[in-house]
Amino acid sequence: MDHKFIHFLSLFSLIYFAPIPIVIIFIHKTLPFWQKWGTKSYYFFILLFALAFMALFGLVTHFKEPILSWRVYDHPFSLLGIFPLVGGFILGMISIRTLSLRVLLGLPELTHTQTELVVRGIYRYLRHPRYLEFILEAMGVAILSGLWINFLFLLYFILAVWFMAHIEEQELLERFGKSYLEYKKKTGGFIPFCSS
């Protein structure tokens, strides 16, 4: 596989995915404030993500050479990273098709709109398929690139996703109560059929 493409993928994943947990955790931890603003708060979220993206773009492009030279390995087996990368992409497409656009954008949380608990499609087997998607994609990029920075990023991302899932589950428990508890007993968080 072309090293330029893998380098691009490696740097892009650092720039694009790194701010996602920070922005999501910030929003969830300050949700009552944003609910007062309703959908107008999206302007701030877009600005926050854009600023984080630009800051990371500047850092990553400035330190591009050291980032790309700090390798764990350079081996043909690195192509095995394609499997979790593609698996994560497919899981993401399946997840997106299951959710409505309103739910994907977080509108029920921001506007106090009552929705039903999504327990169909991939959500019959996993409570957090989108987060698992992100982990698989980060893992695929780390294996493909063989770069230390991507493995460190994968570790950061696993911890951040676990924290995001914990926050989200507290909110879902508040919104859906007993029905969410029953769903949680029957459905795996990140691994199908392993309820927690």
C-alpha atoms as a PDB file:
ATOM      1  CA  MET A   1       0.000   0.000   0.000  1.00  0.00           C
ATOM      2  CA  ASP A   2       1.194   3.519  -0.791  1.00  0.00           C
ATOM      3  CA  HIS A   3       3.047   5.118   2.154  1.00  0.00           C
ATOM      4  CA  LYS A   4       1.781   8.588   1.205  1.00  0.00           C
ATOM      5  CA  PHE A   5      -1.824   7.437   1.579  1.00  0.00           C
ATOM      6  CA  ILE A   6      -1.071   5.740   4.907  1.00  0.00           C
ATOM      7  CA  HIS A   7       0.728   8.873   6.146  1.00  0.00           C
ATOM      8  CA  PHE A   8      -2.235  11.004   5.087  1.00  0.00           C
ATOM      9  CA  LEU A   9      -4.639   8.611   6.836  1.00  0.00           C
ATOM     10  CA  SER A  10      -2.469   8.627   9.948  1.00  0.00           C
ATOM     11  CA  LEU A  11      -2.261  12.418  10.180  1.00  0.00           C
ATOM     12  CA  PHE A  12      -5.912  12.920   9.218  1.00  0.00           C
ATOM     13  CA  SER A  13      -7.080  10.547  11.955  1.00  0.00           C
ATOM     14  CA  LEU A  14      -5.106  12.544  14.537  1.00  0.00           C
ATOM     15  CA  ILE A  15      -6.566  15.837  13.343  1.00  0.00           C
ATOM     16  CA  TYR A  16     -10.160  14.726  12.797  1.00  0.00           C
ATOM     17  CA  PHE A  17     -10.818  12.168  15.530  1.00  0.00           C
ATOM     18  CA  ALA A  18      -8.851  13.653  18.452  1.00  0.00           C
ATOM     19  CA  PRO A  19     -11.273  16.495  19.233  1.00  0.00           C
ATOM     20  CA  ILE A  20     -14.399  14.306  19.035  1.00  0.00           C
ATOM     21  CA  PRO A  21     -14.238  12.914  22.599  1.00  0.00           C
ATOM     22  CA  ILE A  22     -13.255  16.269  24.074  1.00  0.00           C
ATOM     23  CA  VAL A  23     -16.146  18.072  22.367  1.00  0.00           C
ATOM     24  CA  ILE A  24     -18.678  15.322  23.182  1.00  0.00           C
ATOM     25  CA  ILE A  25     -17.639  15.085  26.838  1.00  0.00           C
ATOM     26  CA  PHE A  26     -17.722  18.886  27.165  1.00  0.00           C
ATOM     27  CA  ILE A  27     -21.222  19.044  25.657  1.00  0.00           C
ATOM     28  CA  HIS A  28     -22.587  16.228  27.824  1.00  0.00           C
ATOM     29  CA  LYS A  29     -21.082  17.632  31.031  1.00  0.00           C
ATOM     30  CA  THR A  30     -22.621  21.065  30.346  1.00  0.00           C
ATOM     31  CA  LEU A  31     -25.873  19.848  28.748  1.00  0.00           C
ATOM     32  CA  PRO A  32     -28.318  21.863  30.919  1.00  0.00           C
ATOM     33  CA  PHE A  33     -26.649  25.063  29.721  1.00  0.00           C
ATOM     34  CA  TRP A  34     -26.916  24.055  26.053  1.00  0.00           C
ATOM     35  CA  GLN A  35     -30.525  22.969  26.436  1.00  0.00           C
ATOM     36  CA  LYS A  36     -31.407  26.601  27.223  1.00  0.00           C
ATOM     37  CA  TRP A  37     -30.000  27.556  23.827  1.00  0.00           C
ATOM     38  CA  GLY A  38     -31.635  24.669  21.948  1.00  0.00           C
ATOM     39  CA  THR A  39     -30.530  24.220  18.355  1.00  0.00           C
ATOM     40  CA  LYS A  40     -28.730  27.588  18.381  1.00  0.00           C
ATOM     41  CA  SER A  41     -26.020  25.884  20.424  1.00  0.00           C
ATOM     42  CA  TYR A  42     -24.973  24.010  17.273  1.00  0.00           C
ATOM     43  CA  TYR A  43     -23.222  27.152  16.063  1.00  0.00           C
ATOM     44  CA  PHE A  44     -20.999  27.012  19.130  1.00  0.00           C
ATOM     45  CA  PHE A  45     -20.385  23.251  18.712  1.00  0.00           C
ATOM     46  CA  ILE A  46     -19.340  23.756  15.100  1.00  0.00           C
ATOM     47  CA  LEU A  47     -17.067  26.634  16.116  1.00  0.00           C
ATOM     48  CA  LEU A  48     -15.551  24.579  18.958  1.00  0.00           C
ATOM     49  CA  PHE A  49     -14.875  21.623  16.683  1.00  0.00           C
ATOM     50  CA  ALA A  50     -13.471  23.902  13.939  1.00  0.00           C
ATOM     51  CA  LEU A  51     -11.097  25.604  16.399  1.00  0.00           C
ATOM     52  CA  ALA A  52      -9.914  22.250  17.747  1.00  0.00           C
ATOM     53  CA  PHE A  53      -9.494  20.981  14.194  1.00  0.00           C
ATOM     54  CA  MET A  54      -7.445  24.038  13.159  1.00  0.00           C
ATOM     55  CA  ALA A  55      -5.260  23.872  16.275  1.00  0.00           C
ATOM     56  CA  LEU A  56      -4.556  20.180  15.711  1.00  0.00           C
ATOM     57  CA  PHE A  57      -3.963  20.783  12.013  1.00  0.00           C
ATOM     58  CA  GLY A  58      -1.340  23.387  12.890  1.00  0.00           C
ATOM     59  CA  LEU A  59       0.345  21.128  15.448  1.00  0.00           C
ATOM     60  CA  VAL A  60       0.330  18.029  13.271  1.00  0.00           C
ATOM     61  CA  THR A  61       1.611  19.814  10.167  1.00  0.00           C
ATOM     62  CA  HIS A  62       4.304  21.585  12.205  1.00  0.00           C
ATOM     63  CA  PHE A  63       5.510  18.301  13.734  1.00  0.00           C
ATOM     64  CA  LYS A  64       4.795  16.154  10.675  1.00  0.00           C
ATOM     65  CA  GLU A  65       8.357  14.928  10.159  1.00  0.00           C
ATOM     66  CA  PRO A  66       8.961  13.730  13.743  1.00  0.00           C
ATOM     67  CA  ILE A  67       5.480  12.174  13.873  1.00  0.00           C
ATOM     68  CA  LEU A  68       6.036  10.188  10.679  1.00  0.00           C
ATOM     69  CA  SER A  69       9.545   9.071  11.636  1.00  0.00           C
ATOM     70  CA  TRP A  70       8.682   7.676  15.076  1.00  0.00           C
ATOM     71  CA  ARG A  71       7.731   4.154  14.001  1.00  0.00           C
ATOM     72  CA  VAL A  72       7.002   1.039  16.022  1.00  0.00           C
ATOM     73  CA  TYR A  73       7.500  -1.151  12.971  1.00  0.00           C
ATOM     74  CA  ASP A  74       7.487  -1.167   9.188  1.00  0.00           C
ATOM     75  CA  HIS A  75       6.236  -4.594   8.200  1.00  0.00           C
ATOM     76  CA  PRO A  76       3.989  -6.126   5.523  1.00  0.00           C
ATOM     77  CA  PHE A  77       1.727  -7.423   8.319  1.00  0.00           C
ATOM     78  CA  SER A  78       0.713  -3.820   8.877  1.00  0.00           C
ATOM     79  CA  LEU A  79      -1.769  -4.376   6.049  1.00  0.00           C
ATOM     80  CA  LEU A  80      -3.836  -6.344   8.582  1.00  0.00           C
ATOM     81  CA  GLY A  81      -4.930  -2.919   9.822  1.00  0.00           C
ATOM     82  CA  ILE A  82      -7.268  -2.779   6.845  1.00  0.00           C
ATOM     83  CA  PHE A  83      -9.604  -5.251   8.594  1.00  0.00           C
ATOM     84  CA  PRO A  84     -10.449  -3.194  11.710  1.00  0.00           C
ATOM     85  CA  LEU A  85     -10.473  -0.011   9.598  1.00  0.00           C
ATOM     86  CA  VAL A  86     -12.996  -1.395   7.107  1.00  0.00           C
ATOM     87  CA  GLY A  87     -14.908  -3.152   9.908  1.00  0.00           C
ATOM     88  CA  GLY A  88     -15.251   0.147  11.742  1.00  0.00           C
ATOM     89  CA  PHE A  89     -16.393   1.909   8.580  1.00  0.00           C
ATOM     90  CA  ILE A  90     -19.041  -0.766   7.905  1.00  0.00           C
ATOM     91  CA  LEU A  91     -20.203  -0.668  11.531  1.00  0.00           C
ATOM     92  CA  GLY A  92     -20.527   3.108  11.239  1.00  0.00           C
ATOM     93  CA  MET A  93     -22.652   2.852   8.101  1.00  0.00           C
ATOM     94  CA  ILE A  94     -24.919   0.278   9.758  1.00  0.00           C
ATOM     95  CA  SER A  95     -25.257   2.461  12.873  1.00  0.00           C
ATOM     96  CA  ILE A  96     -26.050   5.586  10.892  1.00  0.00           C
ATOM     97  CA  ARG A  97     -28.749   3.769   8.911  1.00  0.00           C
ATOM     98  CA  THR A  98     -30.419   2.695  12.173  1.00  0.00           C
ATOM     99  CA  LEU A  99     -30.629   6.176  13.710  1.00  0.00           C
ATOM    100  CA  SER A 100     -32.678   9.127  12.541  1.00  0.00           C
ATOM    101  CA  LEU A 101     -30.879  12.339  11.613  1.00  0.00           C
ATOM    102  CA  ARG A 102     -32.448  14.011  14.676  1.00  0.00           C
ATOM    103  CA  VAL A 103     -30.869  11.413  16.974  1.00  0.00           C
ATOM    104  CA  LEU A 104     -27.512  11.552  15.154  1.00  0.00           C
ATOM    105  CA  LEU A 105     -27.395  15.311  15.685  1.00  0.00           C
ATOM    106  CA  GLY A 106     -28.343  15.010  19.363  1.00  0.00           C
ATOM    107  CA  LEU A 107     -31.562  16.996  18.979  1.00  0.00           C
ATOM    108  CA  PRO A 108     -33.571  15.010  21.551  1.00  0.00           C
ATOM    109  CA  GLU A 109     -31.024  15.879  24.243  1.00  0.00           C
ATOM    110  CA  LEU A 110     -30.851  19.562  23.306  1.00  0.00           C
ATOM    111  CA  THR A 111     -34.561  20.195  22.796  1.00  0.00           C
ATOM    112  CA  HIS A 112     -36.012  17.948  25.533  1.00  0.00           C
ATOM    113  CA  THR A 113     -37.862  16.021  22.821  1.00  0.00           C
ATOM    114  CA  GLN A 114     -39.087  12.668  24.078  1.00  0.00           C
ATOM    115  CA  THR A 115     -37.981   9.848  21.807  1.00  0.00           C
ATOM    116  CA  GLU A 116     -38.136   6.116  22.096  1.00  0.00           C
ATOM    117  CA  LEU A 117     -35.111   4.108  23.128  1.00  0.00           C
ATOM    118  CA  VAL A 118     -33.431   2.762  19.981  1.00  0.00           C
ATOM    119  CA  VAL A 119     -33.223  -1.020  20.353  1.00  0.00           C
ATOM    120  CA  ARG A 120     -33.498  -2.077  16.720  1.00  0.00           C
ATOM    121  CA  GLY A 121     -30.905  -2.849  14.066  1.00  0.00           C
ATOM    122  CA  ILE A 122     -27.335  -3.018  15.335  1.00  0.00           C
ATOM    123  CA  TYR A 123     -28.560  -1.598  18.664  1.00  0.00           C
ATOM    124  CA  ARG A 124     -30.150  -4.989  19.440  1.00  0.00           C
ATOM    125  CA  TYR A 125     -26.599  -6.296  19.925  1.00  0.00           C
ATOM    126  CA  LEU A 126     -24.532  -3.252  20.960  1.00  0.00           C
ATOM    127  CA  ARG A 127     -25.323  -0.199  23.052  1.00  0.00           C
ATOM    128  CA  HIS A 128     -22.423   1.834  21.618  1.00  0.00           C
ATOM    129  CA  PRO A 129     -21.770   0.800  18.007  1.00  0.00           C
ATOM    130  CA  ARG A 130     -20.659   4.315  17.005  1.00  0.00           C
ATOM    131  CA  TYR A 131     -18.005   4.351  19.719  1.00  0.00           C
ATOM    132  CA  LEU A 132     -16.857   0.864  18.756  1.00  0.00           C
ATOM    133  CA  GLU A 133     -16.645   2.137  15.170  1.00  0.00           C
ATOM    134  CA  PHE A 134     -14.274   4.915  16.243  1.00  0.00           C
ATOM    135  CA  ILE A 135     -12.094   2.485  18.215  1.00  0.00           C
ATOM    136  CA  LEU A 136     -11.861   0.032  15.298  1.00  0.00           C
ATOM    137  CA  GLU A 137     -10.966   2.817  12.875  1.00  0.00           C
ATOM    138  CA  ALA A 138      -8.280   4.182  15.211  1.00  0.00           C
ATOM    139  CA  MET A 139      -6.936   0.645  15.680  1.00  0.00           C
ATOM    140  CA  GLY A 140      -6.853   0.074  11.926  1.00  0.00           C
ATOM    141  CA  VAL A 141      -4.934   3.301  11.332  1.00  0.00           C
ATOM    142  CA  ALA A 142      -2.463   2.466  14.134  1.00  0.00           C
ATOM    143  CA  ILE A 143      -1.759  -1.003  12.736  1.00  0.00           C
ATOM    144  CA  LEU A 144      -1.530   0.264   9.153  1.00  0.00           C
ATOM    145  CA  SER A 145       0.802   3.140   9.974  1.00  0.00           C
ATOM    146  CA  GLY A 146       2.966   1.432  12.578  1.00  0.00           C
ATOM    147  CA  LEU A 147       3.468   4.863  14.167  1.00  0.00           C
ATOM    148  CA  TRP A 148       3.842   5.354  17.914  1.00  0.00           C
ATOM    149  CA  ILE A 149       1.620   8.422  17.830  1.00  0.00           C
ATOM    150  CA  ASN A 150      -1.276   6.414  16.408  1.00  0.00           C
ATOM    151  CA  PHE A 151      -0.897   3.720  19.075  1.00  0.00           C
ATOM    152  CA  LEU A 152      -0.821   6.408  21.787  1.00  0.00           C
ATOM    153  CA  PHE A 153      -3.853   7.998  20.164  1.00  0.00           C
ATOM    154  CA  LEU A 154      -5.627   4.613  20.174  1.00  0.00           C
ATOM    155  CA  LEU A 155      -5.018   4.306  23.919  1.00  0.00           C
ATOM    156  CA  TYR A 156      -6.322   7.852  24.482  1.00  0.00           C
ATOM    157  CA  PHE A 157      -9.334   7.110  22.312  1.00  0.00           C
ATOM    158  CA  ILE A 158     -10.228   3.871  24.130  1.00  0.00           C
ATOM    159  CA  LEU A 159     -10.140   5.689  27.485  1.00  0.00           C
ATOM    160  CA  ALA A 160     -12.095   8.665  26.139  1.00  0.00           C
ATOM    161  CA  VAL A 161     -14.726   6.438  24.512  1.00  0.00           C
ATOM    162  CA  TRP A 162     -15.160   4.481  27.739  1.00  0.00           C
ATOM    163  CA  PHE A 163     -15.705   7.775  29.573  1.00  0.00           C
ATOM    164  CA  MET A 164     -18.134   9.042  26.888  1.00  0.00           C
ATOM    165  CA  ALA A 165     -20.125   5.797  27.072  1.00  0.00           C
ATOM    166  CA  HIS A 166     -20.325   6.084  30.866  1.00  0.00           C
ATOM    167  CA  ILE A 167     -21.671   9.647  30.658  1.00  0.00           C
ATOM    168  CA  GLU A 168     -24.120   8.712  27.910  1.00  0.00           C
ATOM    169  CA  GLU A 169     -25.425   5.729  29.874  1.00  0.00           C
ATOM    170  CA  GLN A 170     -26.112   7.923  32.915  1.00  0.00           C
ATOM    171  CA  GLU A 171     -28.142  10.286  30.711  1.00  0.00           C
ATOM    172  CA  LEU A 172     -30.032   7.419  29.066  1.00  0.00           C
ATOM    173  CA  LEU A 173     -30.844   5.973  32.476  1.00  0.00           C
ATOM    174  CA  GLU A 174     -32.274   9.339  33.543  1.00  0.00           C
ATOM    175  CA  ARG A 175     -34.322   9.648  30.331  1.00  0.00           C
ATOM    176  CA  PHE A 176     -35.578   6.081  29.942  1.00  0.00           C
ATOM    177  CA  GLY A 177     -35.327   4.627  33.453  1.00  0.00           C
ATOM    178  CA  LYS A 178     -36.318   0.998  33.848  1.00  0.00           C
ATOM    179  CA  SER A 179     -36.568   0.335  30.095  1.00  0.00           C
ATOM    180  CA  TYR A 180     -32.916   1.329  29.693  1.00  0.00           C
ATOM    181  CA  LEU A 181     -31.887  -0.884  32.620  1.00  0.00           C
ATOM    182  CA  GLU A 182     -33.627  -3.852  30.976  1.00  0.00           C
ATOM    183  CA  TYR A 183     -31.986  -3.049  27.648  1.00  0.00           C
ATOM    184  CA  LYS A 184     -28.587  -2.758  29.340  1.00  0.00           C
ATOM    185  CA  LYS A 185     -28.992  -6.186  30.975  1.00  0.00           C
ATOM    186  CA  LYS A 186     -29.619  -7.841  27.601  1.00  0.00           C
ATOM    187  CA  THR A 187     -27.240  -5.919  25.345  1.00  0.00           C
ATOM    188  CA  GLY A 188     -23.459  -5.672  25.193  1.00  0.00           C
ATOM    189  CA  GLY A 189     -21.810  -2.284  25.458  1.00  0.00           C
ATOM    190  CA  PHE A 190     -18.982  -2.825  22.973  1.00  0.00           C
ATOM    191  CA  ILE A 191     -19.000  -6.607  22.549  1.00  0.00           C
ATOM    192  CA  PRO A 192     -22.199  -8.334  21.363  1.00  0.00           C
ATOM    193  CA  PHE A 193     -23.846 -10.721  23.820  1.00  0.00           C
ATOM    194  CA  CYS A 194     -21.639  -9.522  26.721  1.00  0.00           C
ATOM    195  CA  SER A 195     -24.037  -7.399  28.730  1.00  0.00           C
ATOM    196  CA  SER A 196     -22.669  -5.238  31.482  1.00  0.00           C
END
